[in-house]
C-alpha atoms as a PDB file:
ATOM      1  CA  MET A   1       8.874  40.368  15.870  1.00  0.00           C
ATOM      2  CA  VAL A   2      11.359  39.455  12.974  1.00  0.00           C
ATOM      3  CA  GLU A   3      11.727  35.577  14.240  1.00  0.00           C
ATOM      4  CA  ASP A   4       8.270  35.440  14.251  1.00  0.00           C
ATOM      5  CA  SER A   5       7.698  36.681  10.915  1.00  0.00           C
ATOM      6  CA  ASP A   6      10.313  34.327   9.493  1.00  0.00           C
ATOM      7  CA  PHE A   7       8.601  31.475  11.362  1.00  0.00           C
ATOM      8  CA  GLU A   8       5.116  32.567   9.485  1.00  0.00           C
ATOM      9  CA  ARG A   9       7.036  32.708   6.178  1.00  0.00           C
ATOM     10  CA  LEU A  10       8.612  29.378   6.634  1.00  0.00           C
ATOM     11  CA  GLU A  11       5.069  27.934   7.498  1.00  0.00           C
ATOM     12  CA  TYR A  12       3.908  29.443   4.510  1.00  0.00           C
ATOM     13  CA  LEU A  13       6.199  28.072   2.362  1.00  0.00           C
ATOM     14  CA  GLY A  14       5.745  24.901   3.747  1.00  0.00           C
ATOM     15  CA  MET A  15       1.791  24.869   3.415  1.00  0.00           C
ATOM     16  CA  LEU A  16       2.519  25.902  -0.485  1.00  0.00           C
ATOM     17  CA  ILE A  17       5.285  22.874  -0.841  1.00  0.00           C
ATOM     18  CA  LYS A  18       2.810  20.636   0.525  1.00  0.00           C
ATOM     19  CA  GLY A  19       0.171  21.907  -1.692  1.00  0.00           C
ATOM     20  CA  LEU A  20       2.402  21.590  -4.786  1.00  0.00           C
ATOM     21  CA  GLY A  21       3.072  18.243  -3.945  1.00  0.00           C
ATOM     22  CA  LEU A  22      -0.588  16.853  -3.188  1.00  0.00           C
ATOM     23  CA  ASN A  23      -2.090  19.200  -6.027  1.00  0.00           C
ATOM     24  CA  PRO A  24       0.608  19.821  -9.150  1.00  0.00           C
ATOM     25  CA  PRO A  25      -0.169  23.037 -10.546  1.00  0.00           C
ATOM     26  CA  PRO A  26      -1.962  22.703 -14.023  1.00  0.00           C
ATOM     27  CA  PRO A  27       0.065  23.139 -17.380  1.00  0.00           C
ATOM     28  CA  PRO A  28       0.577  26.625 -18.475  1.00  0.00           C
ATOM     29  CA  PRO A  29      -1.523  28.059 -21.279  1.00  0.00           C
ATOM     30  CA  PRO A  30      -0.293  27.805 -24.751  1.00  0.00           C
ATOM     31  CA  ALA A  31       1.911  30.746 -25.809  1.00  0.00           C
ATOM     32  CA  LEU A  32      -0.195  30.426 -29.132  1.00  0.00           C
ATOM     33  CA  HIS A  33      -3.240  31.574 -27.428  1.00  0.00           C
ATOM     34  CA  HIS A  34      -2.157  35.025 -26.343  1.00  0.00           C
ATOM     35  CA  TYR A  35      -1.197  36.112 -29.877  1.00  0.00           C
END
């Protein structure tokens, strides 16, 4: 059970890393806009 959850967690992190590598996240919105 624990090993399976860890494997899924690692796989999920791998997918996130690949996604970030292929599609970099957009720049954060300007802080001044919040005010």
